[in-house]
PDB file of N, CA and C in Angstrom:
ATOM      1  N   MET A   1       2.542  64.270-181.475  1.00  0.00           N
ATOM      2  CA  MET A   1       2.548  63.357-182.611  1.00  0.00           C
ATOM      3  C   MET A   1       1.111  62.952-182.999  1.00  0.00           C
ATOM      4  N   LYS A   2       0.804  63.184-184.230  1.00  0.00           N
ATOM      5  CA  LYS A   2      -0.621  62.873-184.646  1.00  0.00           C
ATOM      6  C   LYS A   2      -0.866  61.353-184.747  1.00  0.00           C
ATOM      7  N   PRO A   3      -2.020  60.918-184.242  1.00  0.00           N
ATOM      8  CA  PRO A   3      -2.412  59.473-184.345  1.00  0.00           C
ATOM      9  C   PRO A   3      -2.412  59.056-185.800  1.00  0.00           C
ATOM     10  N   GLN A   4      -2.035  57.842-186.024  1.00  0.00           N
ATOM     11  CA  GLN A   4      -1.952  57.189-187.431  1.00  0.00           C
ATOM     12  C   GLN A   4      -3.443  56.769-187.865  1.00  0.00           C
ATOM     13  N   ALA A   5      -4.167  56.302-186.971  1.00  0.00           N
ATOM     14  CA  ALA A   5      -5.454  55.731-187.355  1.00  0.00           C
ATOM     15  C   ALA A   5      -6.419  55.861-186.217  1.00  0.00           C
ATOM     16  N   ALA A   6      -7.693  55.509-186.490  1.00  0.00           N
ATOM     17  CA  ALA A   6      -8.696  55.558-185.480  1.00  0.00           C
ATOM     18  C   ALA A   6      -9.877  54.660-185.801  1.00  0.00           C
ATOM     19  N   PHE A   7     -10.646  54.245-184.760  1.00  0.00           N
ATOM     20  CA  PHE A   7     -11.905  53.575-185.051  1.00  0.00           C
ATOM     21  C   PHE A   7     -12.899  53.947-184.025  1.00  0.00           C
ATOM     22  N   ARG A   8     -14.121  53.790-184.380  1.00  0.00           N
ATOM     23  CA  ARG A   8     -15.300  53.867-183.410  1.00  0.00           C
ATOM     24  C   ARG A   8     -15.828  52.500-183.391  1.00  0.00           C
ATOM     25  N   ALA A   9     -16.158  52.072-182.059  1.00  0.00           N
ATOM     26  CA  ALA A   9     -16.574  50.692-181.843  1.00  0.00           C
ATOM     27  C   ALA A   9     -17.796  50.734-180.902  1.00  0.00           C
ATOM     28  N   VAL A  10     -18.624  49.796-181.078  1.00  0.00           N
ATOM     29  CA  VAL A  10     -19.743  49.448-180.163  1.00  0.00           C
ATOM     30  C   VAL A  10     -19.565  48.026-179.678  1.00  0.00           C
ATOM     31  N   VAL A  11     -19.506  47.833-178.434  1.00  0.00           N
ATOM     32  CA  VAL A  11     -19.336  46.497-177.870  1.00  0.00           C
ATOM     33  C   VAL A  11     -20.650  46.049-177.123  1.00  0.00           C
ATOM     34  N   GLU A  12     -21.129  44.886-177.524  1.00  0.00           N
ATOM     35  CA  GLU A  12     -22.340  44.437-176.962  1.00  0.00           C
ATOM     36  C   GLU A  12     -22.087  43.146-176.121  1.00  0.00           C
ATOM     37  N   GLY A  13     -23.005  42.850-175.200  1.00  0.00           N
ATOM     38  CA  GLY A  13     -22.955  41.744-174.284  1.00  0.00           C
ATOM     39  C   GLY A  13     -23.199  42.201-172.908  1.00  0.00           C
ATOM     40  N   ARG A  14     -22.509  41.481-171.953  1.00  0.00           N
ATOM     41  CA  ARG A  14     -22.551  41.922-170.559  1.00  0.00           C
ATOM     42  C   ARG A  14     -21.323  42.908-170.390  1.00  0.00           C
ATOM     43  N   VAL A  15     -21.500  44.156-170.638  1.00  0.00           N
ATOM     44  CA  VAL A  15     -20.407  45.086-170.649  1.00  0.00           C
ATOM     45  C   VAL A  15     -20.702  46.320-169.704  1.00  0.00           C
ATOM     46  N   GLN A  16     -21.871  46.405-169.110  1.00  0.00           N
ATOM     47  CA  GLN A  16     -22.127  47.396-168.159  1.00  0.00           C
ATOM     48  C   GLN A  16     -22.262  46.749-166.775  1.00  0.00           C
ATOM     49  N   GLY A  17     -21.744  47.425-165.760  1.00  0.00           N
ATOM     50  CA  GLY A  17     -21.783  46.891-164.388  1.00  0.00           C
ATOM     51  C   GLY A  17     -20.685  45.821-164.106  1.00  0.00           C
ATOM     52  N   VAL A  18     -19.687  45.813-165.024  1.00  0.00           N
ATOM     53  CA  VAL A  18     -18.501  44.793-164.760  1.00  0.00           C
ATOM     54  C   VAL A  18     -17.210  45.577-164.814  1.00  0.00           C
ATOM     55  N   GLY A  19     -17.188  46.891-164.752  1.00  0.00           N
ATOM     56  CA  GLY A  19     -15.931  47.637-164.827  1.00  0.00           C
ATOM     57  C   GLY A  19     -15.307  47.698-166.251  1.00  0.00           C
ATOM     58  N   PHE A  20     -16.264  47.453-167.317  1.00  0.00           N
ATOM     59  CA  PHE A  20     -15.653  47.506-168.612  1.00  0.00           C
ATOM     60  C   PHE A  20     -15.002  48.860-168.968  1.00  0.00           C
ATOM     61  N   ARG A  21     -15.720  50.016-168.728  1.00  0.00           N
ATOM     62  CA  ARG A  21     -15.218  51.210-169.109  1.00  0.00           C
ATOM     63  C   ARG A  21     -13.814  51.544-168.513  1.00  0.00           C
ATOM     64  N   TYR A  22     -13.659  51.269-167.269  1.00  0.00           N
ATOM     65  CA  TYR A  22     -12.403  51.562-166.573  1.00  0.00           C
ATOM     66  C   TYR A  22     -11.286  50.620-166.986  1.00  0.00           C
ATOM     67  N   SER A  23     -11.619  49.372-167.241  1.00  0.00           N
ATOM     68  CA  SER A  23     -10.633  48.427-167.812  1.00  0.00           C
ATOM     69  C   SER A  23     -10.277  48.836-169.237  1.00  0.00           C
ATOM     70  N   ALA A  24     -11.280  49.291-169.987  1.00  0.00           N
ATOM     71  CA  ALA A  24     -10.940  49.737-171.436  1.00  0.00           C
ATOM     72  C   ALA A  24      -9.978  50.947-171.331  1.00  0.00           C
ATOM     73  N   ARG A  25     -10.249  51.872-170.366  1.00  0.00           N
ATOM     74  CA  ARG A  25      -9.385  53.071-170.288  1.00  0.00           C
ATOM     75  C   ARG A  25      -8.003  52.634-169.847  1.00  0.00           C
ATOM     76  N   ARG A  26      -7.869  51.703-168.901  1.00  0.00           N
ATOM     77  CA  ARG A  26      -6.518  51.235-168.414  1.00  0.00           C
ATOM     78  C   ARG A  26      -5.753  50.569-169.521  1.00  0.00           C
ATOM     79  N   GLU A  27      -6.442  49.757-170.354  1.00  0.00           N
ATOM     80  CA  GLU A  27      -5.794  49.035-171.467  1.00  0.00           C
ATOM     81  C   GLU A  27      -5.377  50.040-172.551  1.00  0.00           C
ATOM     82  N   ALA A  28      -6.253  51.076-172.884  1.00  0.00           N
ATOM     83  CA  ALA A  28      -5.901  52.068-173.877  1.00  0.00           C
ATOM     84  C   ALA A  28      -4.685  52.884-173.482  1.00  0.00           C
ATOM     85  N   LEU A  29      -4.660  53.234-172.198  1.00  0.00           N
ATOM     86  CA  LEU A  29      -3.489  53.994-171.681  1.00  0.00           C
ATOM     87  C   LEU A  29      -2.206  53.204-171.692  1.00  0.00           C
ATOM     88  N   ARG A  30      -2.407  51.885-171.420  1.00  0.00           N
ATOM     89  CA  ARG A  30      -1.137  51.034-171.485  1.00  0.00           C
ATOM     90  C   ARG A  30      -0.567  50.971-172.875  1.00  0.00           C
ATOM     91  N   LEU A  31      -1.427  51.029-173.871  1.00  0.00           N
ATOM     92  CA  LEU A  31      -1.090  50.937-175.309  1.00  0.00           C
ATOM     93  C   LEU A  31      -0.794  52.320-175.923  1.00  0.00           C
ATOM     94  N   GLY A  32      -0.925  53.354-175.091  1.00  0.00           N
ATOM     95  CA  GLY A  32      -0.567  54.704-175.625  1.00  0.00           C
ATOM     96  C   GLY A  32      -1.700  55.263-176.516  1.00  0.00           C
ATOM     97  N   LEU A  33      -2.943  54.783-176.422  1.00  0.00           N
ATOM     98  CA  LEU A  33      -4.056  55.250-177.278  1.00  0.00           C
ATOM     99  C   LEU A  33      -4.769  56.344-176.582  1.00  0.00           C
ATOM    100  N   LEU A  34      -5.470  57.108-177.468  1.00  0.00           N
ATOM    101  CA  LEU A  34      -6.224  58.293-177.069  1.00  0.00           C
ATOM    102  C   LEU A  34      -7.728  58.118-177.427  1.00  0.00           C
ATOM    103  N   GLY A  35      -8.584  58.798-176.808  1.00  0.00           N
ATOM    104  CA  GLY A  35     -10.110  58.799-177.138  1.00  0.00           C
ATOM    105  C   GLY A  35     -10.927  58.708-175.933  1.00  0.00           C
ATOM    106  N   TRP A  36     -12.040  57.985-175.996  1.00  0.00           N
ATOM    107  CA  TRP A  36     -13.018  57.873-174.916  1.00  0.00           C
ATOM    108  C   TRP A  36     -13.821  56.596-175.015  1.00  0.00           C
ATOM    109  N   VAL A  37     -14.437  56.278-173.881  1.00  0.00           N
ATOM    110  CA  VAL A  37     -15.378  55.214-173.784  1.00  0.00           C
ATOM    111  C   VAL A  37     -16.547  55.646-172.909  1.00  0.00           C
ATOM    112  N   ARG A  38     -17.798  55.118-173.313  1.00  0.00           N
ATOM    113  CA  ARG A  38     -18.998  55.493-172.590  1.00  0.00           C
ATOM    114  C   ARG A  38     -20.119  54.411-172.680  1.00  0.00           C
ATOM    115  N   ASN A  39     -20.893  54.384-171.723  1.00  0.00           N
ATOM    116  CA  ASN A  39     -22.083  53.468-171.785  1.00  0.00           C
ATOM    117  C   ASN A  39     -23.147  54.052-172.653  1.00  0.00           C
ATOM    118  N   LEU A  40     -23.827  53.230-173.360  1.00  0.00           N
ATOM    119  CA  LEU A  40     -25.058  53.628-174.132  1.00  0.00           C
ATOM    120  C   LEU A  40     -26.286  53.147-173.463  1.00  0.00           C
ATOM    121  N   PRO A  41     -27.423  53.828-173.685  1.00  0.00           N
ATOM    122  CA  PRO A  41     -28.687  53.479-173.036  1.00  0.00           C
ATOM    123  C   PRO A  41     -29.098  52.050-173.244  1.00  0.00           C
ATOM    124  N   ASP A  42     -28.720  51.449-174.452  1.00  0.00           N
ATOM    125  CA  ASP A  42     -29.187  50.128-174.747  1.00  0.00           C
ATOM    126  C   ASP A  42     -28.398  49.026-174.012  1.00  0.00           C
ATOM    127  N   GLY A  43     -27.412  49.372-173.175  1.00  0.00           N
ATOM    128  CA  GLY A  43     -26.637  48.439-172.455  1.00  0.00           C
ATOM    129  C   GLY A  43     -25.294  48.027-173.072  1.00  0.00           C
ATOM    130  N   SER A  44     -25.035  48.653-174.258  1.00  0.00           N
ATOM    131  CA  SER A  44     -23.732  48.465-174.965  1.00  0.00           C
ATOM    132  C   SER A  44     -22.736  49.569-174.495  1.00  0.00           C
ATOM    133  N   VAL A  45     -21.571  49.407-175.007  1.00  0.00           N
ATOM    134  CA  VAL A  45     -20.463  50.459-174.723  1.00  0.00           C
ATOM    135  C   VAL A  45     -19.983  50.953-176.046  1.00  0.00           C
ATOM    136  N   GLU A  46     -19.828  52.244-176.084  1.00  0.00           N
ATOM    137  CA  GLU A  46     -19.190  52.875-177.342  1.00  0.00           C
ATOM    138  C   GLU A  46     -17.815  53.471-177.022  1.00  0.00           C
ATOM    139  N   LEU A  47     -16.997  53.253-178.004  1.00  0.00           N
ATOM    140  CA  LEU A  47     -15.594  53.850-177.905  1.00  0.00           C
ATOM    141  C   LEU A  47     -15.159  54.583-179.144  1.00  0.00           C
ATOM    142  N   TRP A  48     -14.324  55.533-178.912  1.00  0.00           N
ATOM    143  CA  TRP A  48     -13.590  56.273-179.975  1.00  0.00           C
ATOM    144  C   TRP A  48     -12.127  56.106-179.638  1.00  0.00           C
ATOM    145  N   VAL A  49     -11.337  55.516-180.519  1.00  0.00           N
ATOM    146  CA  VAL A  49      -9.964  55.187-180.171  1.00  0.00           C
ATOM    147  C   VAL A  49      -9.001  55.666-181.289  1.00  0.00           C
ATOM    148  N   GLU A  50      -7.917  56.315-180.960  1.00  0.00           N
ATOM    149  CA  GLU A  50      -6.924  56.759-181.923  1.00  0.00           C
ATOM    150  C   GLU A  50      -5.488  56.388-181.481  1.00  0.00           C
ATOM    151  N   GLY A  51      -4.668  56.184-182.472  1.00  0.00           N
ATOM    152  CA  GLY A  51      -3.257  55.894-182.098  1.00  0.00           C
ATOM    153  C   GLY A  51      -2.519  55.184-183.248  1.00  0.00           C
ATOM    154  N   ASP A  52      -1.497  54.470-182.850  1.00  0.00           N
ATOM    155  CA  ASP A  52      -0.657  53.670-183.767  1.00  0.00           C
ATOM    156  C   ASP A  52      -1.446  52.479-184.209  1.00  0.00           C
ATOM    157  N   HIS A  53      -1.187  52.155-185.519  1.00  0.00           N
ATOM    158  CA  HIS A  53      -1.860  51.081-186.086  1.00  0.00           C
ATOM    159  C   HIS A  53      -1.723  49.773-185.279  1.00  0.00           C
ATOM    160  N   SER A  54      -0.527  49.418-184.929  1.00  0.00           N
ATOM    161  CA  SER A  54      -0.278  48.089-184.173  1.00  0.00           C
ATOM    162  C   SER A  54      -1.041  48.173-182.817  1.00  0.00           C
ATOM    163  N   ALA A  55      -1.003  49.297-182.081  1.00  0.00           N
ATOM    164  CA  ALA A  55      -1.608  49.383-180.882  1.00  0.00           C
ATOM    165  C   ALA A  55      -3.203  49.249-181.030  1.00  0.00           C
ATOM    166  N   LEU A  56      -3.749  49.838-182.097  1.00  0.00           N
ATOM    167  CA  LEU A  56      -5.100  49.760-182.371  1.00  0.00           C
ATOM    168  C   LEU A  56      -5.498  48.250-182.595  1.00  0.00           C
ATOM    169  N   ILE A  57      -4.793  47.505-183.299  1.00  0.00           N
ATOM    170  CA  ILE A  57      -5.046  46.143-183.560  1.00  0.00           C
ATOM    171  C   ILE A  57      -5.019  45.358-182.229  1.00  0.00           C
ATOM    172  N   GLU A  58      -4.034  45.657-181.449  1.00  0.00           N
ATOM    173  CA  GLU A  58      -4.026  44.970-180.117  1.00  0.00           C
ATOM    174  C   GLU A  58      -5.163  45.283-179.240  1.00  0.00           C
ATOM    175  N   TYR A  59      -5.568  46.542-179.315  1.00  0.00           N
ATOM    176  CA  TYR A  59      -6.712  47.009-178.507  1.00  0.00           C
ATOM    177  C   TYR A  59      -8.032  46.399-179.003  1.00  0.00           C
ATOM    178  N   ARG A  60      -8.159  46.305-180.345  1.00  0.00           N
ATOM    179  CA  ARG A  60      -9.346  45.638-180.958  1.00  0.00           C
ATOM    180  C   ARG A  60      -9.448  44.250-180.476  1.00  0.00           C
ATOM    181  N   THR A  61      -8.329  43.551-180.425  1.00  0.00           N
ATOM    182  CA  THR A  61      -8.336  42.120-179.907  1.00  0.00           C
ATOM    183  C   THR A  61      -8.757  42.074-178.453  1.00  0.00           C
ATOM    184  N   TRP A  62      -8.292  43.004-177.639  1.00  0.00           N
ATOM    185  CA  TRP A  62      -8.645  43.092-176.334  1.00  0.00           C
ATOM    186  C   TRP A  62     -10.193  43.275-176.112  1.00  0.00           C
ATOM    187  N   LEU A  63     -10.732  44.099-177.020  1.00  0.00           N
ATOM    188  CA  LEU A  63     -12.116  44.335-176.880  1.00  0.00           C
ATOM    189  C   LEU A  63     -13.024  43.081-177.086  1.00  0.00           C
ATOM    190  N   GLU A  64     -12.509  42.100-177.812  1.00  0.00           N
ATOM    191  CA  GLU A  64     -13.142  40.845-178.058  1.00  0.00           C
ATOM    192  C   GLU A  64     -13.321  40.020-176.791  1.00  0.00           C
ATOM    193  N   GLU A  65     -12.333  40.212-175.834  1.00  0.00           N
ATOM    194  CA  GLU A  65     -12.357  39.471-174.586  1.00  0.00           C
ATOM    195  C   GLU A  65     -12.898  40.368-173.470  1.00  0.00           C
ATOM    196  N   GLY A  66     -12.553  41.627-173.358  1.00  0.00           N
ATOM    197  CA  GLY A  66     -12.950  42.503-172.304  1.00  0.00           C
ATOM    198  C   GLY A  66     -12.269  42.045-170.987  1.00  0.00           C
ATOM    199  N   PRO A  67     -12.669  42.707-169.836  1.00  0.00           N
ATOM    200  CA  PRO A  67     -12.163  42.412-168.586  1.00  0.00           C
ATOM    201  C   PRO A  67     -12.908  41.143-168.042  1.00  0.00           C
ATOM    202  N   PRO A  68     -12.308  40.612-166.885  1.00  0.00           N
ATOM    203  CA  PRO A  68     -12.968  39.564-166.150  1.00  0.00           C
ATOM    204  C   PRO A  68     -14.373  40.047-165.733  1.00  0.00           C
ATOM    205  N   GLY A  69     -15.362  39.077-165.988  1.00  0.00           N
ATOM    206  CA  GLY A  69     -16.729  39.446-165.603  1.00  0.00           C
ATOM    207  C   GLY A  69     -17.600  39.895-166.782  1.00  0.00           C
ATOM    208  N   ALA A  70     -16.879  40.352-167.812  1.00  0.00           N
ATOM    209  CA  ALA A  70     -17.680  40.803-169.007  1.00  0.00           C
ATOM    210  C   ALA A  70     -17.874  39.473-169.918  1.00  0.00           C
ATOM    211  N   TRP A  71     -18.886  39.610-170.727  1.00  0.00           N
ATOM    212  CA  TRP A  71     -19.181  38.678-171.715  1.00  0.00           C
ATOM    213  C   TRP A  71     -19.512  39.479-173.013  1.00  0.00           C
ATOM    214  N   ILE A  72     -18.707  39.255-173.989  1.00  0.00           N
ATOM    215  CA  ILE A  72     -18.749  40.013-175.227  1.00  0.00           C
ATOM    216  C   ILE A  72     -19.541  39.162-176.299  1.00  0.00           C
ATOM    217  N   SER A  73     -20.659  39.681-176.794  1.00  0.00           N
ATOM    218  CA  SER A  73     -21.344  39.021-177.844  1.00  0.00           C
ATOM    219  C   SER A  73     -20.990  39.508-179.214  1.00  0.00           C
ATOM    220  N   GLU A  74     -20.599  40.779-179.285  1.00  0.00           N
ATOM    221  CA  GLU A  74     -20.275  41.358-180.577  1.00  0.00           C
ATOM    222  C   GLU A  74     -19.412  42.654-180.439  1.00  0.00           C
ATOM    223  N   VAL A  75     -18.523  42.904-181.288  1.00  0.00           N
ATOM    224  CA  VAL A  75     -17.781  44.120-181.381  1.00  0.00           C
ATOM    225  C   VAL A  75     -17.945  44.600-182.829  1.00  0.00           C
ATOM    226  N   ARG A  76     -18.561  45.767-183.000  1.00  0.00           N
ATOM    227  CA  ARG A  76     -18.659  46.368-184.290  1.00  0.00           C
ATOM    228  C   ARG A  76     -17.701  47.581-184.340  1.00  0.00           C
ATOM    229  N   ALA A  77     -16.679  47.520-185.115  1.00  0.00           N
ATOM    230  CA  ALA A  77     -15.711  48.568-185.194  1.00  0.00           C
ATOM    231  C   ALA A  77     -15.584  49.071-186.682  1.00  0.00           C
ATOM    232  N   GLU A  78     -15.603  50.388-186.750  1.00  0.00           N
ATOM    233  CA  GLU A  78     -15.476  51.033-188.121  1.00  0.00           C
ATOM    234  C   GLU A  78     -14.340  51.958-188.099  1.00  0.00           C
ATOM    235  N   PRO A  79     -13.477  51.782-189.127  1.00  0.00           N
ATOM    236  CA  PRO A  79     -12.316  52.704-189.223  1.00  0.00           C
ATOM    237  C   PRO A  79     -12.774  54.210-189.446  1.00  0.00           C
ATOM    238  N   ARG A  80     -12.006  55.059-188.821  1.00  0.00           N
ATOM    239  CA  ARG A  80     -12.266  56.486-188.939  1.00  0.00           C
ATOM    240  C   ARG A  80     -11.037  57.201-189.168  1.00  0.00           C
ATOM    241  N   ASN A  81     -11.179  58.491-189.549  1.00  0.00           N
ATOM    242  CA  ASN A  81      -9.986  59.383-189.644  1.00  0.00           C
ATOM    243  C   ASN A  81      -9.713  59.930-188.249  1.00  0.00           C
ATOM    244  N   PRO A  82      -8.479  59.803-187.763  1.00  0.00           N
ATOM    245  CA  PRO A  82      -8.182  60.446-186.450  1.00  0.00           C
ATOM    246  C   PRO A  82      -8.492  61.845-186.338  1.00  0.00           C
ATOM    247  N   LEU A  83      -8.997  62.322-185.283  1.00  0.00           N
ATOM    248  CA  LEU A  83      -9.223  63.727-185.093  1.00  0.00           C
ATOM    249  C   LEU A  83      -8.020  64.536-184.572  1.00  0.00           C
ATOM    250  N   GLY A  84      -7.164  63.729-183.788  1.00  0.00           N
ATOM    251  CA  GLY A  84      -5.899  64.372-183.263  1.00  0.00           C
ATOM    252  C   GLY A  84      -6.155  65.442-182.210  1.00  0.00           C
ATOM    253  N   THR A  85      -7.282  65.392-181.593  1.00  0.00           N
ATOM    254  CA  THR A  85      -7.641  66.369-180.549  1.00  0.00           C
ATOM    255  C   THR A  85      -7.692  65.930-179.175  1.00  0.00           C
ATOM    256  N   PHE A  86      -7.353  64.621-178.918  1.00  0.00           N
ATOM    257  CA  PHE A  86      -7.407  64.043-177.531  1.00  0.00           C
ATOM    258  C   PHE A  86      -6.114  64.117-176.899  1.00  0.00           C
ATOM    259  N   ALA A  87      -6.106  64.473-175.539  1.00  0.00           N
ATOM    260  CA  ALA A  87      -4.891  64.491-174.828  1.00  0.00           C
ATOM    261  C   ALA A  87      -4.656  63.206-174.021  1.00  0.00           C
ATOM    262  N   SER A  88      -5.700  62.379-173.850  1.00  0.00           N
ATOM    263  CA  SER A  88      -5.628  61.121-173.092  1.00  0.00           C
ATOM    264  C   SER A  88      -6.802  60.247-173.498  1.00  0.00           C
ATOM    265  N   PHE A  89      -7.050  59.193-172.673  1.00  0.00           N
ATOM    266  CA  PHE A  89      -8.236  58.355-172.925  1.00  0.00           C
ATOM    267  C   PHE A  89      -9.101  58.480-171.729  1.00  0.00           C
ATOM    268  N   THR A  90     -10.330  58.881-171.901  1.00  0.00           N
ATOM    269  CA  THR A  90     -11.239  59.214-170.817  1.00  0.00           C
ATOM    270  C   THR A  90     -12.508  58.332-170.718  1.00  0.00           C
ATOM    271  N   VAL A  91     -13.061  58.235-169.577  1.00  0.00           N
ATOM    272  CA  VAL A  91     -14.400  57.656-169.335  1.00  0.00           C
ATOM    273  C   VAL A  91     -15.350  58.724-169.405  1.00  0.00           C
ATOM    274  N   GLU A  92     -16.293  58.689-170.339  1.00  0.00           N
ATOM    275  CA  GLU A  92     -17.384  59.760-170.494  1.00  0.00           C
ATOM    276  C   GLU A  92     -18.601  59.235-169.803  1.00  0.00           C
ATOM    277  N   PHE A  93     -19.382  60.201-169.365  1.00  0.00           N
ATOM    278  CA  PHE A  93     -20.742  59.946-168.732  1.00  0.00           C
ATOM    279  C   PHE A  93     -21.774  60.569-169.403  1.00  0.00           C
TER     280      PHE A  93
END
């Protein structure tokens, strides 16, 4: 089944060293989303997420809070066309 929608996001704040990527993966899998998450050199985290519209909205809301230990100062999300090429949601290095 082809994903309905997608977004690319950059999350800023205290998001590295707090388990953010693995929590983001766990939440994405729980919601049935596809894509990836990775740390950026500037201390932020970047994500590409695809799936059902309602699941993407719920995930975007989760990004505003993050996991325990994280402190989110900003989430910049841009709608994108889904690629439909992902088999799961992965942590990239």
